[in-house]
Amino acid sequence: MPNRTVYLPEHLDELSRRLGVNLSQLTQKAIEEYASQRAEDTLDTRVKEARARMAALNISWPEGLLERERAEADER
């Protein structure tokens, strides 16, 4: 596993030692949580941008298109 250095202010270092915090585990969980939140943010942003481009180009999808496509895919 790669090794990275994490710098903490002195008071947080002392606090983490007193609490017996596993910094490696805490850091891994924090990064995974941050990444999952960013993935949702990124997806939301991409959807909003796509909708804005569609509106700017005056593109509209027929009502129920997605539902019909899904139903047709189940029939195949």
PDB file of N, CA and C in Angstrom:
ATOM      1  N   MET A   1       0.849  -1.171   0.000  1.00  0.00           N
ATOM      2  CA  MET A   1       0.000   0.000   0.000  1.00  0.00           C
ATOM      3  C   MET A   1       0.897   1.237   0.000  1.00  0.00           C
ATOM      4  N   PRO A   2       0.596   2.205  -0.872  1.00  0.00           N
ATOM      5  CA  PRO A   2       1.406   3.429  -0.904  1.00  0.00           C
ATOM      6  C   PRO A   2       1.378   4.152   0.432  1.00  0.00           C
ATOM      7  N   ASN A   3       2.434   4.865   0.681  1.00  0.00           N
ATOM      8  CA  ASN A   3       2.580   5.591   1.937  1.00  0.00           C
ATOM      9  C   ASN A   3       2.534   7.082   1.661  1.00  0.00           C
ATOM     10  N   ARG A   4       1.677   7.826   2.377  1.00  0.00           N
ATOM     11  CA  ARG A   4       1.569   9.273   2.212  1.00  0.00           C
ATOM     12  C   ARG A   4       1.750   9.923   3.572  1.00  0.00           C
ATOM     13  N   THR A   5       2.208  11.152   3.581  1.00  0.00           N
ATOM     14  CA  THR A   5       2.398  11.889   4.818  1.00  0.00           C
ATOM     15  C   THR A   5       1.232  12.851   5.005  1.00  0.00           C
ATOM     16  N   VAL A   6       0.675  12.843   6.213  1.00  0.00           N
ATOM     17  CA  VAL A   6      -0.408  13.763   6.549  1.00  0.00           C
ATOM     18  C   VAL A   6       0.111  14.692   7.636  1.00  0.00           C
ATOM     19  N   TYR A   7       0.013  15.986   7.390  1.00  0.00           N
ATOM     20  CA  TYR A   7       0.474  16.970   8.361  1.00  0.00           C
ATOM     21  C   TYR A   7      -0.707  17.473   9.174  1.00  0.00           C
ATOM     22  N   LEU A   8      -0.525  17.508  10.477  1.00  0.00           N
ATOM     23  CA  LEU A   8      -1.564  17.986  11.385  1.00  0.00           C
ATOM     24  C   LEU A   8      -1.017  19.123  12.237  1.00  0.00           C
ATOM     25  N   PRO A   9      -1.875  20.083  12.567  1.00  0.00           N
ATOM     26  CA  PRO A   9      -1.455  21.067  13.562  1.00  0.00           C
ATOM     27  C   PRO A   9      -1.192  20.346  14.883  1.00  0.00           C
ATOM     28  N   GLU A  10      -0.343  20.905  15.678  1.00  0.00           N
ATOM     29  CA  GLU A  10       0.067  20.257  16.924  1.00  0.00           C
ATOM     30  C   GLU A  10      -1.117  19.864  17.797  1.00  0.00           C
ATOM     31  N   HIS A  11      -2.106  20.755  17.926  1.00  0.00           N
ATOM     32  CA  HIS A  11      -3.235  20.444  18.808  1.00  0.00           C
ATOM     33  C   HIS A  11      -4.059  19.267  18.289  1.00  0.00           C
ATOM     34  N   LEU A  12      -4.173  19.116  16.966  1.00  0.00           N
ATOM     35  CA  LEU A  12      -4.891  17.963  16.422  1.00  0.00           C
ATOM     36  C   LEU A  12      -4.091  16.680  16.560  1.00  0.00           C
ATOM     37  N   ASP A  13      -2.792  16.778  16.427  1.00  0.00           N
ATOM     38  CA  ASP A  13      -1.944  15.613  16.647  1.00  0.00           C
ATOM     39  C   ASP A  13      -2.093  15.117  18.079  1.00  0.00           C
ATOM     40  N   GLU A  14      -2.030  16.048  19.011  1.00  0.00           N
ATOM     41  CA  GLU A  14      -2.171  15.686  20.424  1.00  0.00           C
ATOM     42  C   GLU A  14      -3.554  15.095  20.697  1.00  0.00           C
ATOM     43  N   LEU A  15      -4.573  15.713  20.159  1.00  0.00           N
ATOM     44  CA  LEU A  15      -5.939  15.224  20.356  1.00  0.00           C
ATOM     45  C   LEU A  15      -6.118  13.834  19.762  1.00  0.00           C
ATOM     46  N   SER A  16      -5.606  13.621  18.563  1.00  0.00           N
ATOM     47  CA  SER A  16      -5.741  12.304  17.938  1.00  0.00           C
ATOM     48  C   SER A  16      -5.019  11.228  18.734  1.00  0.00           C
ATOM     49  N   ARG A  17      -3.890  11.575  19.321  1.00  0.00           N
ATOM     50  CA  ARG A  17      -3.158  10.613  20.151  1.00  0.00           C
ATOM     51  C   ARG A  17      -3.929  10.291  21.426  1.00  0.00           C
ATOM     52  N   ARG A  18      -4.483  11.341  22.056  1.00  0.00           N
ATOM     53  CA  ARG A  18      -5.269  11.112  23.279  1.00  0.00           C
ATOM     54  C   ARG A  18      -6.497  10.247  23.007  1.00  0.00           C
ATOM     55  N   LEU A  19      -7.112  10.455  21.856  1.00  0.00           N
ATOM     56  CA  LEU A  19      -8.313   9.697  21.515  1.00  0.00           C
ATOM     57  C   LEU A  19      -8.001   8.313  20.934  1.00  0.00           C
ATOM     58  N   GLY A  20      -6.756   8.080  20.610  1.00  0.00           N
ATOM     59  CA  GLY A  20      -6.366   6.798  20.026  1.00  0.00           C
ATOM     60  C   GLY A  20      -6.902   6.617  18.611  1.00  0.00           C
ATOM     61  N   VAL A  21      -6.983   7.719  17.881  1.00  0.00           N
ATOM     62  CA  VAL A  21      -7.525   7.695  16.525  1.00  0.00           C
ATOM     63  C   VAL A  21      -6.548   6.997  15.575  1.00  0.00           C
ATOM     64  N   ASN A  22      -7.085   6.102  14.771  1.00  0.00           N
ATOM     65  CA  ASN A  22      -6.301   5.472  13.718  1.00  0.00           C
ATOM     66  C   ASN A  22      -6.340   6.421  12.528  1.00  0.00           C
ATOM     67  N   LEU A  23      -5.293   7.218  12.371  1.00  0.00           N
ATOM     68  CA  LEU A  23      -5.275   8.251  11.331  1.00  0.00           C
ATOM     69  C   LEU A  23      -5.379   7.667   9.928  1.00  0.00           C
ATOM     70  N   SER A  24      -4.779   6.544   9.703  1.00  0.00           N
ATOM     71  CA  SER A  24      -4.833   5.920   8.386  1.00  0.00           C
ATOM     72  C   SER A  24      -6.279   5.563   8.043  1.00  0.00           C
ATOM     73  N   GLN A  25      -6.941   4.895   8.963  1.00  0.00           N
ATOM     74  CA  GLN A  25      -8.331   4.487   8.736  1.00  0.00           C
ATOM     75  C   GLN A  25      -9.247   5.710   8.603  1.00  0.00           C
ATOM     76  N   LEU A  26      -9.062   6.696   9.463  1.00  0.00           N
ATOM     77  CA  LEU A  26      -9.863   7.912   9.420  1.00  0.00           C
ATOM     78  C   LEU A  26      -9.676   8.648   8.092  1.00  0.00           C
ATOM     79  N   THR A  27      -8.439   8.751   7.651  1.00  0.00           N
ATOM     80  CA  THR A  27      -8.141   9.426   6.392  1.00  0.00           C
ATOM     81  C   THR A  27      -8.763   8.685   5.217  1.00  0.00           C
ATOM     82  N   GLN A  28      -8.645   7.354   5.202  1.00  0.00           N
ATOM     83  CA  GLN A  28      -9.226   6.559   4.122  1.00  0.00           C
ATOM     84  C   GLN A  28     -10.737   6.757   4.050  1.00  0.00           C
ATOM     85  N   LYS A  29     -11.406   6.694   5.191  1.00  0.00           N
ATOM     86  CA  LYS A  29     -12.856   6.875   5.220  1.00  0.00           C
ATOM     87  C   LYS A  29     -13.245   8.281   4.783  1.00  0.00           C
ATOM     88  N   ALA A  30     -12.493   9.272   5.231  1.00  0.00           N
ATOM     89  CA  ALA A  30     -12.794  10.663   4.865  1.00  0.00           C
ATOM     90  C   ALA A  30     -12.647  10.875   3.363  1.00  0.00           C
ATOM     91  N   ILE A  31     -11.614  10.298   2.769  1.00  0.00           N
ATOM     92  CA  ILE A  31     -11.402  10.440   1.327  1.00  0.00           C
ATOM     93  C   ILE A  31     -12.512   9.739   0.551  1.00  0.00           C
ATOM     94  N   GLU A  32     -12.895   8.540   0.987  1.00  0.00           N
ATOM     95  CA  GLU A  32     -13.967   7.809   0.311  1.00  0.00           C
ATOM     96  C   GLU A  32     -15.289   8.570   0.402  1.00  0.00           C
ATOM     97  N   GLU A  33     -15.590   9.126   1.573  1.00  0.00           N
ATOM     98  CA  GLU A  33     -16.823   9.897   1.747  1.00  0.00           C
ATOM     99  C   GLU A  33     -16.799  11.148   0.877  1.00  0.00           C
ATOM    100  N   TYR A  34     -15.674  11.834   0.872  1.00  0.00           N
ATOM    101  CA  TYR A  34     -15.526  13.039   0.062  1.00  0.00           C
ATOM    102  C   TYR A  34     -15.702  12.709  -1.419  1.00  0.00           C
ATOM    103  N   ALA A  35     -15.089  11.617  -1.846  1.00  0.00           N
ATOM    104  CA  ALA A  35     -15.176  11.214  -3.255  1.00  0.00           C
ATOM    105  C   ALA A  35     -16.607  10.868  -3.632  1.00  0.00           C
ATOM    106  N   SER A  36     -17.335  10.184  -2.751  1.00  0.00           N
ATOM    107  CA  SER A  36     -18.719   9.836  -3.072  1.00  0.00           C
ATOM    108  C   SER A  36     -19.588  11.081  -3.153  1.00  0.00           C
ATOM    109  N   GLN A  37     -19.349  12.056  -2.295  1.00  0.00           N
ATOM    110  CA  GLN A  37     -20.092  13.313  -2.353  1.00  0.00           C
ATOM    111  C   GLN A  37     -19.762  14.062  -3.638  1.00  0.00           C
ATOM    112  N   ARG A  38     -18.508  14.081  -4.006  1.00  0.00           N
ATOM    113  CA  ARG A  38     -18.085  14.778  -5.222  1.00  0.00           C
ATOM    114  C   ARG A  38     -18.669  14.094  -6.454  1.00  0.00           C
ATOM    115  N   ALA A  39     -18.753  12.767  -6.417  1.00  0.00           N
ATOM    116  CA  ALA A  39     -19.324  12.044  -7.558  1.00  0.00           C
ATOM    117  C   ALA A  39     -20.766  12.473  -7.762  1.00  0.00           C
ATOM    118  N   GLU A  40     -21.518  12.599  -6.668  1.00  0.00           N
ATOM    119  CA  GLU A  40     -22.901  13.057  -6.765  1.00  0.00           C
ATOM    120  C   GLU A  40     -22.950  14.493  -7.265  1.00  0.00           C
ATOM    121  N   ASP A  41     -22.072  15.347  -6.743  1.00  0.00           N
ATOM    122  CA  ASP A  41     -22.018  16.739  -7.191  1.00  0.00           C
ATOM    123  C   ASP A  41     -21.692  16.806  -8.676  1.00  0.00           C
ATOM    124  N   THR A  42     -20.736  15.995  -9.098  1.00  0.00           N
ATOM    125  CA  THR A  42     -20.317  15.982 -10.495  1.00  0.00           C
ATOM    126  C   THR A  42     -21.466  15.530 -11.385  1.00  0.00           C
ATOM    127  N   LEU A  43     -22.171  14.487 -10.977  1.00  0.00           N
ATOM    128  CA  LEU A  43     -23.295  14.004 -11.767  1.00  0.00           C
ATOM    129  C   LEU A  43     -24.383  15.065 -11.847  1.00  0.00           C
ATOM    130  N   ASP A  44     -24.722  15.674 -10.711  1.00  0.00           N
ATOM    131  CA  ASP A  44     -25.730  16.740 -10.705  1.00  0.00           C
ATOM    132  C   ASP A  44     -25.324  17.881 -11.632  1.00  0.00           C
ATOM    133  N   THR A  45     -24.065  18.252 -11.572  1.00  0.00           N
ATOM    134  CA  THR A  45     -23.566  19.334 -12.420  1.00  0.00           C
ATOM    135  C   THR A  45     -23.664  18.957 -13.885  1.00  0.00           C
ATOM    136  N   ARG A  46     -23.292  17.737 -14.215  1.00  0.00           N
ATOM    137  CA  ARG A  46     -23.343  17.290 -15.605  1.00  0.00           C
ATOM    138  C   ARG A  46     -24.774  17.262 -16.125  1.00  0.00           C
ATOM    139  N   VAL A  47     -25.710  16.807 -15.291  1.00  0.00           N
ATOM    140  CA  VAL A  47     -27.121  16.781 -15.706  1.00  0.00           C
ATOM    141  C   VAL A  47     -27.627  18.201 -15.933  1.00  0.00           C
ATOM    142  N   LYS A  48     -27.302  19.116 -15.000  1.00  0.00           N
ATOM    143  CA  LYS A  48     -27.732  20.510 -15.155  1.00  0.00           C
ATOM    144  C   LYS A  48     -27.143  21.129 -16.417  1.00  0.00           C
ATOM    145  N   GLU A  49     -25.873  20.855 -16.675  1.00  0.00           N
ATOM    146  CA  GLU A  49     -25.235  21.399 -17.874  1.00  0.00           C
ATOM    147  C   GLU A  49     -25.870  20.837 -19.147  1.00  0.00           C
ATOM    148  N   ALA A  50     -26.175  19.546 -19.133  1.00  0.00           N
ATOM    149  CA  ALA A  50     -26.810  18.933 -20.299  1.00  0.00           C
ATOM    150  C   ALA A  50     -28.195  19.534 -20.526  1.00  0.00           C
ATOM    151  N   ARG A  51     -28.939  19.729 -19.450  1.00  0.00           N
ATOM    152  CA  ARG A  51     -30.266  20.346 -19.586  1.00  0.00           C
ATOM    153  C   ARG A  51     -30.155  21.772 -20.121  1.00  0.00           C
ATOM    154  N   ALA A  52     -29.168  22.507 -19.653  1.00  0.00           N
ATOM    155  CA  ALA A  52     -28.967  23.879 -20.129  1.00  0.00           C
ATOM    156  C   ALA A  52     -28.620  23.888 -21.619  1.00  0.00           C
ATOM    157  N   ARG A  53     -27.765  22.950 -22.048  1.00  0.00           N
ATOM    158  CA  ARG A  53     -27.415  22.874 -23.475  1.00  0.00           C
ATOM    159  C   ARG A  53     -28.638  22.501 -24.312  1.00  0.00           C
ATOM    160  N   MET A  54     -29.440  21.554 -23.792  1.00  0.00           N
ATOM    161  CA  MET A  54     -30.661  21.159 -24.512  1.00  0.00           C
ATOM    162  C   MET A  54     -31.608  22.347 -24.653  1.00  0.00           C
ATOM    163  N   ALA A  55     -31.769  23.105 -23.568  1.00  0.00           N
ATOM    164  CA  ALA A  55     -32.649  24.281 -23.622  1.00  0.00           C
ATOM    165  C   ALA A  55     -32.102  25.315 -24.599  1.00  0.00           C
ATOM    166  N   ALA A  56     -30.799  25.533 -24.585  1.00  0.00           N
ATOM    167  CA  ALA A  56     -30.190  26.518 -25.480  1.00  0.00           C
ATOM    168  C   ALA A  56     -30.345  26.113 -26.944  1.00  0.00           C
ATOM    169  N   LEU A  57     -30.327  24.809 -27.189  1.00  0.00           N
ATOM    170  CA  LEU A  57     -30.467  24.304 -28.557  1.00  0.00           C
ATOM    171  C   LEU A  57     -31.919  23.994 -28.912  1.00  0.00           C
ATOM    172  N   ASN A  58     -32.816  24.269 -27.969  1.00  0.00           N
ATOM    173  CA  ASN A  58     -34.246  24.031 -28.150  1.00  0.00           C
ATOM    174  C   ASN A  58     -34.535  22.558 -28.456  1.00  0.00           C
ATOM    175  N   ILE A  59     -33.889  21.673 -27.703  1.00  0.00           N
ATOM    176  CA  ILE A  59     -34.082  20.236 -27.849  1.00  0.00           C
ATOM    177  C   ILE A  59     -35.028  19.781 -26.741  1.00  0.00           C
ATOM    178  N   SER A  60     -36.006  18.983 -27.110  1.00  0.00           N
ATOM    179  CA  SER A  60     -36.890  18.404 -26.100  1.00  0.00           C
ATOM    180  C   SER A  60     -37.114  16.939 -26.441  1.00  0.00           C
ATOM    181  N   TRP A  61     -37.172  16.112 -25.418  1.00  0.00           N
ATOM    182  CA  TRP A  61     -37.396  14.694 -25.606  1.00  0.00           C
ATOM    183  C   TRP A  61     -38.896  14.426 -25.569  1.00  0.00           C
ATOM    184  N   PRO A  62     -39.366  13.507 -26.387  1.00  0.00           N
ATOM    185  CA  PRO A  62     -40.794  13.162 -26.355  1.00  0.00           C
ATOM    186  C   PRO A  62     -41.188  12.626 -24.976  1.00  0.00           C
ATOM    187  N   GLU A  63     -42.400  12.937 -24.557  1.00  0.00           N
ATOM    188  CA  GLU A  63     -42.897  12.450 -23.270  1.00  0.00           C
ATOM    189  C   GLU A  63     -42.876  10.925 -23.238  1.00  0.00           C
ATOM    190  N   GLY A  64     -42.410  10.369 -22.136  1.00  0.00           N
ATOM    191  CA  GLY A  64     -42.436   8.924 -21.935  1.00  0.00           C
ATOM    192  C   GLY A  64     -41.424   8.143 -22.746  1.00  0.00           C
ATOM    193  N   LEU A  65     -40.496   8.824 -23.404  1.00  0.00           N
ATOM    194  CA  LEU A  65     -39.517   8.137 -24.250  1.00  0.00           C
ATOM    195  C   LEU A  65     -38.706   7.114 -23.451  1.00  0.00           C
ATOM    196  N   LEU A  66     -38.187   7.517 -22.315  1.00  0.00           N
ATOM    197  CA  LEU A  66     -37.362   6.624 -21.509  1.00  0.00           C
ATOM    198  C   LEU A  66     -38.157   5.398 -21.063  1.00  0.00           C
ATOM    199  N   GLU A  67     -39.382   5.613 -20.629  1.00  0.00           N
ATOM    200  CA  GLU A  67     -40.214   4.499 -20.185  1.00  0.00           C
ATOM    201  C   GLU A  67     -40.490   3.518 -21.330  1.00  0.00           C
ATOM    202  N   ARG A  68     -40.765   4.062 -22.523  1.00  0.00           N
ATOM    203  CA  ARG A  68     -41.006   3.195 -23.685  1.00  0.00           C
ATOM    204  C   ARG A  68     -39.757   2.408 -24.049  1.00  0.00           C
ATOM    205  N   GLU A  69     -38.600   3.069 -24.012  1.00  0.00           N
ATOM    206  CA  GLU A  69     -37.344   2.379 -24.330  1.00  0.00           C
ATOM    207  C   GLU A  69     -37.062   1.267 -23.336  1.00  0.00           C
ATOM    208  N   ARG A  70     -37.302   1.535 -22.074  1.00  0.00           N
ATOM    209  CA  ARG A  70     -37.094   0.492 -21.044  1.00  0.00           C
ATOM    210  C   ARG A  70     -38.046  -0.673 -21.257  1.00  0.00           C
ATOM    211  N   ALA A  71     -39.313  -0.383 -21.538  1.00  0.00           N
ATOM    212  CA  ALA A  71     -40.297  -1.444 -21.764  1.00  0.00           C
ATOM    213  C   ALA A  71     -39.906  -2.274 -22.982  1.00  0.00           C
ATOM    214  N   GLU A  72     -39.464  -1.601 -24.026  1.00  0.00           N
ATOM    215  CA  GLU A  72     -39.059  -2.311 -25.247  1.00  0.00           C
ATOM    216  C   GLU A  72     -37.829  -3.184 -24.980  1.00  0.00           C
ATOM    217  N   ALA A  73     -36.907  -2.706 -24.181  1.00  0.00           N
ATOM    218  CA  ALA A  73     -35.705  -3.486 -23.867  1.00  0.00           C
ATOM    219  C   ALA A  73     -36.064  -4.750 -23.097  1.00  0.00           C
ATOM    220  N   ASP A  74     -37.066  -4.683 -22.229  1.00  0.00           N
ATOM    221  CA  ASP A  74     -37.502  -5.869 -21.478  1.00  0.00           C
ATOM    222  C   ASP A  74     -38.166  -6.892 -22.394  1.00  0.00           C
ATOM    223  N   GLU A  75     -38.762  -6.411 -23.472  1.00  0.00           N
ATOM    224  CA  GLU A  75     -39.465  -7.300 -24.398  1.00  0.00           C
ATOM    225  C   GLU A  75     -38.511  -8.083 -25.271  1.00  0.00           C
ATOM    226  N   ARG A  76     -37.317  -7.564 -25.479  1.00  0.00           N
ATOM    227  CA  ARG A  76     -36.357  -8.219 -26.386  1.00  0.00           C
ATOM    228  C   ARG A  76     -35.815  -9.469 -25.811  1.00  0.00           C
TER     229      ARG A  76
END
